[in-house]
Amino acid sequence: MAKKSVPPLNNIVYYLVGTRVLWNGEPGFVHSLDIKPYDEYEVGYNIVLDSQTRKNEPEIDNSGYHELVFEDTGEKSKDGKYVPPLKGLD
């Protein structure tokens, strides 16, 4: 699937900080966002996983929308909020 065919473009946040998610099937929560300094790119989600098997490296940085679903429903978020790209990082 081409990147342009996946929903979050133009810096749309689908999972806010604190949201419980499954990252590739593993439970955790979004602890921060990676807002890009340019348009037309998906927001990255920084996740802390609950898994004891990853206790030495529980953080996942810059996860993409395609890797996440809501923990309680297993569904992808369809409601997004636009955040402006960072400026002045050229």
C-alpha atoms as a PDB file:
ATOM      1  CA  MET A   1       0.000   0.000   0.000  1.00  0.00           C
ATOM      2  CA  ALA A   2       1.412   3.357  -0.998  1.00  0.00           C
ATOM      3  CA  LYS A   3       2.050   5.915   1.728  1.00  0.00           C
ATOM      4  CA  LYS A   4      -0.321   8.416   0.092  1.00  0.00           C
ATOM      5  CA  SER A   5      -3.187   5.918   0.442  1.00  0.00           C
ATOM      6  CA  VAL A   6      -2.996   5.753   4.248  1.00  0.00           C
ATOM      7  CA  PRO A   7      -5.032   8.360   6.135  1.00  0.00           C
ATOM      8  CA  PRO A   8      -2.895  10.621   8.227  1.00  0.00           C
ATOM      9  CA  LEU A   9      -1.344  13.169   5.961  1.00  0.00           C
ATOM     10  CA  ASN A  10      -1.036  16.899   6.546  1.00  0.00           C
ATOM     11  CA  ASN A  11      -0.162  16.415  10.237  1.00  0.00           C
ATOM     12  CA  ILE A  12      -3.444  14.948  11.473  1.00  0.00           C
ATOM     13  CA  VAL A  13      -3.295  13.517  15.020  1.00  0.00           C
ATOM     14  CA  TYR A  14      -5.515  10.463  15.397  1.00  0.00           C
ATOM     15  CA  TYR A  15      -4.273   9.273  18.805  1.00  0.00           C
ATOM     16  CA  LEU A  16      -3.769  11.986  21.415  1.00  0.00           C
ATOM     17  CA  VAL A  17      -1.215  11.838  24.225  1.00  0.00           C
ATOM     18  CA  GLY A  18      -2.464   9.477  26.939  1.00  0.00           C
ATOM     19  CA  THR A  19      -4.544   7.326  24.578  1.00  0.00           C
ATOM     20  CA  ARG A  20      -4.407   3.574  25.270  1.00  0.00           C
ATOM     21  CA  VAL A  21      -3.444   1.772  22.065  1.00  0.00           C
ATOM     22  CA  LEU A  22      -2.293  -1.525  20.672  1.00  0.00           C
ATOM     23  CA  TRP A  23       0.979  -1.143  18.759  1.00  0.00           C
ATOM     24  CA  ASN A  24       1.181  -4.088  16.366  1.00  0.00           C
ATOM     25  CA  GLY A  25      -0.960  -5.982  18.886  1.00  0.00           C
ATOM     26  CA  GLU A  26       1.023  -4.974  22.014  1.00  0.00           C
ATOM     27  CA  PRO A  27      -0.741  -2.786  24.628  1.00  0.00           C
ATOM     28  CA  GLY A  28       0.628   0.567  25.702  1.00  0.00           C
ATOM     29  CA  PHE A  29      -0.115   4.279  25.590  1.00  0.00           C
ATOM     30  CA  VAL A  30       0.858   7.311  23.535  1.00  0.00           C
ATOM     31  CA  HIS A  31       3.221   9.390  25.671  1.00  0.00           C
ATOM     32  CA  SER A  32       4.157  12.073  23.114  1.00  0.00           C
ATOM     33  CA  LEU A  33       3.853  13.045  19.476  1.00  0.00           C
ATOM     34  CA  ASP A  34       6.482  13.609  16.817  1.00  0.00           C
ATOM     35  CA  ILE A  35       5.235  16.649  14.889  1.00  0.00           C
ATOM     36  CA  LYS A  36       7.104  16.975  11.616  1.00  0.00           C
ATOM     37  CA  PRO A  37       8.682  20.237  10.411  1.00  0.00           C
ATOM     38  CA  TYR A  38       7.000  19.976   6.985  1.00  0.00           C
ATOM     39  CA  ASP A  39       3.577  19.378   5.463  1.00  0.00           C
ATOM     40  CA  GLU A  40       2.244  16.212   3.825  1.00  0.00           C
ATOM     41  CA  TYR A  41       3.656  13.803   6.381  1.00  0.00           C
ATOM     42  CA  GLU A  42       1.989  11.733   9.051  1.00  0.00           C
ATOM     43  CA  VAL A  43       2.433  12.538  12.725  1.00  0.00           C
ATOM     44  CA  GLY A  44       4.631  10.066  14.604  1.00  0.00           C
ATOM     45  CA  TYR A  45       3.382   8.501  17.843  1.00  0.00           C
ATOM     46  CA  ASN A  46       5.825   7.771  20.667  1.00  0.00           C
ATOM     47  CA  ILE A  47       4.500   4.786  22.620  1.00  0.00           C
ATOM     48  CA  VAL A  48       5.366   3.209  25.970  1.00  0.00           C
ATOM     49  CA  LEU A  49       4.454  -0.485  25.961  1.00  0.00           C
ATOM     50  CA  ASP A  50       3.169  -2.449  28.955  1.00  0.00           C
ATOM     51  CA  SER A  51       4.829  -5.701  27.929  1.00  0.00           C
ATOM     52  CA  GLN A  52       7.188  -7.354  30.396  1.00  0.00           C
ATOM     53  CA  THR A  53       9.091  -8.831  27.455  1.00  0.00           C
ATOM     54  CA  ARG A  54      10.170  -5.299  26.483  1.00  0.00           C
ATOM     55  CA  LYS A  55      10.822  -3.932  29.990  1.00  0.00           C
ATOM     56  CA  ASN A  56      14.388  -2.917  29.060  1.00  0.00           C
ATOM     57  CA  GLU A  57      13.191  -1.063  25.939  1.00  0.00           C
ATOM     58  CA  PRO A  58       9.512  -0.241  26.424  1.00  0.00           C
ATOM     59  CA  GLU A  59       9.500   2.854  24.199  1.00  0.00           C
ATOM     60  CA  ILE A  60       8.587   2.868  20.535  1.00  0.00           C
ATOM     61  CA  ASP A  61       9.517   6.119  18.787  1.00  0.00           C
ATOM     62  CA  ASN A  62       7.796   7.638  15.776  1.00  0.00           C
ATOM     63  CA  SER A  63       5.240   4.881  15.250  1.00  0.00           C
ATOM     64  CA  GLY A  64       2.948   5.332  12.266  1.00  0.00           C
ATOM     65  CA  TYR A  65      -0.853   5.416  12.127  1.00  0.00           C
ATOM     66  CA  HIS A  66      -0.906   2.053  10.346  1.00  0.00           C
ATOM     67  CA  GLU A  67       0.650   0.344  13.412  1.00  0.00           C
ATOM     68  CA  LEU A  68      -1.985   1.526  15.927  1.00  0.00           C
ATOM     69  CA  VAL A  69      -5.550   0.748  16.999  1.00  0.00           C
ATOM     70  CA  PHE A  70      -7.507   1.647  20.126  1.00  0.00           C
ATOM     71  CA  GLU A  71      -6.779  -0.860  22.898  1.00  0.00           C
ATOM     72  CA  ASP A  72     -10.381  -1.243  24.051  1.00  0.00           C
ATOM     73  CA  THR A  73     -12.027  -1.699  20.637  1.00  0.00           C
ATOM     74  CA  GLY A  74      -9.250  -2.870  18.317  1.00  0.00           C
ATOM     75  CA  GLU A  75     -10.475  -0.284  15.796  1.00  0.00           C
ATOM     76  CA  LYS A  76      -8.493   2.420  14.040  1.00  0.00           C
ATOM     77  CA  SER A  77      -9.211   6.024  14.951  1.00  0.00           C
ATOM     78  CA  LYS A  78     -11.090   7.847  12.222  1.00  0.00           C
ATOM     79  CA  ASP A  79     -11.366  11.206  14.008  1.00  0.00           C
ATOM     80  CA  GLY A  80      -8.321  13.375  13.625  1.00  0.00           C
ATOM     81  CA  LYS A  81      -7.195  16.828  14.658  1.00  0.00           C
ATOM     82  CA  TYR A  82      -4.863  18.947  12.531  1.00  0.00           C
ATOM     83  CA  VAL A  83      -1.664  20.189  14.143  1.00  0.00           C
ATOM     84  CA  PRO A  84       0.522  22.667  12.258  1.00  0.00           C
ATOM     85  CA  PRO A  85       3.992  21.497  11.246  1.00  0.00           C
ATOM     86  CA  LEU A  86       6.928  22.898  13.193  1.00  0.00           C
ATOM     87  CA  LYS A  87       8.478  26.020  11.699  1.00  0.00           C
ATOM     88  CA  GLY A  88      12.043  27.226  11.491  1.00  0.00           C
ATOM     89  CA  LEU A  89      13.854  23.872  11.496  1.00  0.00           C
ATOM     90  CA  ASP A  90      15.281  24.225   7.997  1.00  0.00           C
END
